[in-house]
N, C-alpha and C. Protein backbone atom coordinates (compact mmCIF):
# COMPACT_ATOMS: atom_id res chain seq x y z
N MET A 1 0.83 -1.18 0.00
CA MET A 1 0.00 0.00 0.00
C MET A 1 0.87 1.25 0.00
N LEU A 2 1.90 1.29 0.81
CA LEU A 2 2.77 2.47 0.88
C LEU A 2 3.45 2.71 -0.45
N LYS A 3 3.86 1.63 -1.11
CA LYS A 3 4.57 1.76 -2.38
C LYS A 3 3.69 2.46 -3.42
N THR A 4 2.49 2.00 -3.61
CA THR A 4 1.63 2.59 -4.64
C THR A 4 1.09 3.94 -4.21
N ALA A 5 0.99 4.19 -2.93
CA ALA A 5 0.43 5.45 -2.48
C ALA A 5 1.41 6.60 -2.59
N CYS A 6 2.69 6.36 -2.45
CA CYS A 6 3.65 7.46 -2.38
C CYS A 6 4.81 7.36 -3.35
N VAL A 7 5.35 6.18 -3.53
CA VAL A 7 6.59 6.04 -4.29
C VAL A 7 6.38 6.38 -5.76
N GLY A 8 5.23 6.07 -6.31
CA GLY A 8 4.97 6.41 -7.71
C GLY A 8 4.99 7.91 -7.94
N GLY A 9 4.38 8.66 -7.04
CA GLY A 9 4.39 10.12 -7.17
C GLY A 9 5.78 10.71 -6.97
N VAL A 10 6.53 10.14 -6.05
CA VAL A 10 7.90 10.60 -5.82
C VAL A 10 8.75 10.33 -7.06
N ALA A 11 8.62 9.14 -7.63
CA ALA A 11 9.38 8.80 -8.83
C ALA A 11 9.02 9.74 -9.99
N ARG A 12 7.74 10.02 -10.14
CA ARG A 12 7.30 10.95 -11.19
C ARG A 12 7.95 12.31 -11.03
N ASP A 13 7.90 12.85 -9.80
CA ASP A 13 8.46 14.17 -9.56
C ASP A 13 9.97 14.20 -9.74
N VAL A 14 10.64 13.14 -9.31
CA VAL A 14 12.11 13.08 -9.47
C VAL A 14 12.46 13.02 -10.94
N LEU A 15 11.73 12.22 -11.72
CA LEU A 15 11.99 12.13 -13.16
C LEU A 15 11.72 13.46 -13.86
N CYS A 16 10.81 14.26 -13.32
CA CYS A 16 10.52 15.58 -13.88
C CYS A 16 11.41 16.66 -13.29
N ASN A 17 12.39 16.25 -12.49
CA ASN A 17 13.35 17.18 -11.87
C ASN A 17 12.66 18.21 -10.97
N GLU A 18 11.71 17.74 -10.17
CA GLU A 18 11.00 18.59 -9.22
C GLU A 18 11.14 18.00 -7.82
N VAL A 19 10.98 18.85 -6.81
CA VAL A 19 10.92 18.36 -5.44
C VAL A 19 9.62 17.57 -5.30
N PRO A 20 9.66 16.34 -4.83
CA PRO A 20 8.44 15.54 -4.73
C PRO A 20 7.35 16.25 -3.93
N HIS A 21 6.14 16.17 -4.46
CA HIS A 21 4.99 16.84 -3.85
C HIS A 21 4.76 16.38 -2.41
N VAL A 22 4.98 15.10 -2.18
CA VAL A 22 4.75 14.55 -0.84
C VAL A 22 5.69 15.17 0.19
N TYR A 23 6.84 15.71 -0.24
CA TYR A 23 7.78 16.37 0.67
C TYR A 23 7.53 17.86 0.78
N ARG A 24 6.80 18.44 -0.16
CA ARG A 24 6.60 19.89 -0.20
C ARG A 24 5.47 20.38 0.67
N ASP A 25 4.35 19.70 0.66
CA ASP A 25 3.15 20.27 1.28
C ASP A 25 2.91 19.85 2.73
N HIS A 26 3.70 18.93 3.24
CA HIS A 26 3.66 18.51 4.65
C HIS A 26 2.32 17.91 5.06
N ARG A 27 1.61 17.32 4.10
CA ARG A 27 0.40 16.58 4.45
C ARG A 27 0.79 15.13 4.70
N PRO A 28 0.06 14.44 5.56
CA PRO A 28 0.49 13.10 5.98
C PRO A 28 0.08 11.97 5.03
N TYR A 29 0.39 12.11 3.72
CA TYR A 29 0.06 11.03 2.78
C TYR A 29 0.73 9.72 3.20
N ALA A 30 2.04 9.77 3.31
CA ALA A 30 2.80 8.55 3.60
C ALA A 30 2.50 8.01 4.98
N LEU A 31 2.27 8.89 5.93
CA LEU A 31 1.98 8.45 7.29
C LEU A 31 0.66 7.68 7.36
N CYS A 32 -0.34 8.14 6.62
CA CYS A 32 -1.63 7.43 6.58
C CYS A 32 -1.47 6.06 5.91
N ALA A 33 -0.72 6.02 4.82
CA ALA A 33 -0.48 4.73 4.15
C ALA A 33 0.32 3.80 5.05
N LEU A 34 1.29 4.34 5.76
CA LEU A 34 2.10 3.54 6.68
C LEU A 34 1.25 2.99 7.82
N ALA A 35 0.34 3.80 8.33
CA ALA A 35 -0.55 3.33 9.41
C ALA A 35 -1.42 2.17 8.93
N GLY A 36 -2.00 2.30 7.75
CA GLY A 36 -2.82 1.21 7.20
C GLY A 36 -2.01 -0.04 6.96
N SER A 37 -0.79 0.14 6.45
CA SER A 37 0.09 -1.01 6.21
C SER A 37 0.49 -1.70 7.51
N ALA A 38 0.78 -0.90 8.53
CA ALA A 38 1.17 -1.45 9.83
C ALA A 38 0.01 -2.24 10.45
N VAL A 39 -1.20 -1.72 10.31
CA VAL A 39 -2.36 -2.43 10.84
C VAL A 39 -2.55 -3.75 10.10
N TYR A 40 -2.42 -3.72 8.79
CA TYR A 40 -2.53 -4.96 8.01
C TYR A 40 -1.49 -5.98 8.44
N LEU A 41 -0.23 -5.56 8.53
CA LEU A 41 0.83 -6.48 8.93
C LEU A 41 0.63 -7.00 10.35
N GLY A 42 0.19 -6.12 11.23
CA GLY A 42 -0.06 -6.55 12.61
C GLY A 42 -1.17 -7.58 12.69
N LEU A 43 -2.24 -7.36 11.95
CA LEU A 43 -3.36 -8.31 11.98
C LEU A 43 -2.99 -9.64 11.34
N THR A 44 -2.21 -9.61 10.27
CA THR A 44 -1.80 -10.88 9.68
C THR A 44 -0.84 -11.63 10.60
N ALA A 45 -0.03 -10.90 11.37
CA ALA A 45 0.85 -11.55 12.35
C ALA A 45 0.03 -12.19 13.48
N LEU A 46 -1.13 -11.62 13.76
CA LEU A 46 -2.02 -12.19 14.77
C LEU A 46 -2.93 -13.28 14.19
N LEU A 47 -2.63 -13.66 12.96
CA LEU A 47 -3.34 -14.74 12.27
C LEU A 47 -4.80 -14.42 11.97
N VAL A 48 -5.10 -13.14 11.79
CA VAL A 48 -6.42 -12.74 11.30
C VAL A 48 -6.44 -13.05 9.81
N GLY A 49 -7.56 -13.42 9.28
CA GLY A 49 -7.65 -13.74 7.86
C GLY A 49 -7.22 -12.58 6.97
N PRO A 50 -6.65 -12.88 5.80
CA PRO A 50 -6.16 -11.81 4.94
C PRO A 50 -7.24 -10.86 4.44
N GLY A 51 -8.44 -11.35 4.27
CA GLY A 51 -9.55 -10.49 3.85
C GLY A 51 -9.88 -9.44 4.89
N TRP A 52 -9.99 -9.89 6.14
CA TRP A 52 -10.30 -8.96 7.23
C TRP A 52 -9.14 -8.01 7.49
N ALA A 53 -7.93 -8.54 7.45
CA ALA A 53 -6.76 -7.69 7.66
C ALA A 53 -6.68 -6.61 6.59
N SER A 54 -6.96 -6.98 5.34
CA SER A 54 -6.95 -6.00 4.25
C SER A 54 -8.03 -4.95 4.45
N LEU A 55 -9.23 -5.40 4.80
CA LEU A 55 -10.33 -4.48 5.00
C LEU A 55 -10.03 -3.47 6.10
N VAL A 56 -9.55 -3.95 7.23
CA VAL A 56 -9.25 -3.05 8.35
C VAL A 56 -8.09 -2.12 8.00
N GLY A 57 -7.07 -2.63 7.30
CA GLY A 57 -5.96 -1.78 6.88
C GLY A 57 -6.40 -0.67 5.95
N VAL A 58 -7.27 -1.00 5.00
CA VAL A 58 -7.80 0.01 4.08
C VAL A 58 -8.64 1.04 4.83
N VAL A 59 -9.45 0.58 5.77
CA VAL A 59 -10.28 1.50 6.55
C VAL A 59 -9.40 2.45 7.37
N VAL A 60 -8.34 1.94 7.97
CA VAL A 60 -7.44 2.78 8.75
C VAL A 60 -6.73 3.81 7.86
N ALA A 61 -6.20 3.35 6.72
CA ALA A 61 -5.50 4.27 5.82
C ALA A 61 -6.45 5.33 5.27
N THR A 62 -7.61 4.90 4.81
CA THR A 62 -8.57 5.84 4.23
C THR A 62 -9.15 6.76 5.30
N GLY A 63 -9.49 6.19 6.44
CA GLY A 63 -10.05 7.00 7.52
C GLY A 63 -9.08 8.05 8.04
N SER A 64 -7.83 7.66 8.21
CA SER A 64 -6.85 8.64 8.70
C SER A 64 -6.60 9.71 7.65
N ARG A 65 -6.62 9.35 6.38
CA ARG A 65 -6.44 10.35 5.31
C ARG A 65 -7.63 11.30 5.26
N LEU A 66 -8.85 10.78 5.39
CA LEU A 66 -10.03 11.64 5.40
C LEU A 66 -10.03 12.57 6.61
N LEU A 67 -9.62 12.06 7.76
CA LEU A 67 -9.50 12.93 8.94
C LEU A 67 -8.46 14.02 8.73
N ALA A 68 -7.35 13.66 8.11
CA ALA A 68 -6.29 14.63 7.86
C ALA A 68 -6.78 15.74 6.94
N VAL A 69 -7.55 15.38 5.94
CA VAL A 69 -8.08 16.40 5.02
C VAL A 69 -9.14 17.24 5.72
N ALA A 70 -10.06 16.59 6.42
CA ALA A 70 -11.16 17.31 7.07
C ALA A 70 -10.67 18.25 8.17
N LEU A 71 -9.65 17.82 8.91
CA LEU A 71 -9.18 18.62 10.04
C LEU A 71 -7.95 19.46 9.70
N GLY A 72 -7.48 19.36 8.46
CA GLY A 72 -6.33 20.16 8.04
C GLY A 72 -5.03 19.79 8.72
N TRP A 73 -4.85 18.51 9.01
CA TRP A 73 -3.61 18.08 9.66
C TRP A 73 -2.42 18.28 8.74
N ARG A 74 -1.33 18.74 9.31
CA ARG A 74 -0.07 18.90 8.57
C ARG A 74 1.06 18.39 9.44
N LEU A 75 2.08 17.87 8.79
CA LEU A 75 3.27 17.44 9.51
C LEU A 75 4.19 18.65 9.68
N PRO A 76 4.95 18.69 10.75
CA PRO A 76 5.86 19.82 10.93
C PRO A 76 6.92 19.86 9.84
N GLY A 77 7.27 21.04 9.41
CA GLY A 77 8.33 21.21 8.42
C GLY A 77 9.68 21.13 9.08
N TRP A 78 10.69 21.02 8.27
CA TRP A 78 12.04 20.98 8.81
C TRP A 78 12.78 22.22 8.35
N ARG A 79 13.74 22.61 9.13
CA ARG A 79 14.56 23.76 8.79
C ARG A 79 15.98 23.32 8.58
N PRO A 80 16.67 23.92 7.62
CA PRO A 80 18.07 23.55 7.43
C PRO A 80 18.89 23.93 8.65
N ARG A 81 19.90 23.14 8.92
CA ARG A 81 20.79 23.43 10.05
C ARG A 81 21.62 24.66 9.75
N GLU A 82 21.80 25.46 10.76
CA GLU A 82 22.66 26.63 10.60
C GLU A 82 24.11 26.23 10.79
N PRO A 83 25.01 26.76 9.97
CA PRO A 83 26.44 26.37 10.09
C PRO A 83 27.08 26.83 11.37
């Protein structure tokens, strides 16, 4: 899930010689995908069926992304180190 959600866009932007969009706007795209993936992996490790694990993982990823959009969540930006 993380690969298709973020890496394709990053590769596109890098090939177009641009700063990847996912790094510019500080929205939690990758974090939401990572949360859904972690839930899926955790449930499969607990021997939950793959159908249920997939469903819950998708709900977590989609739900967290919808909350991020609705509530305007942003990740903190970083500042370059001063010499």
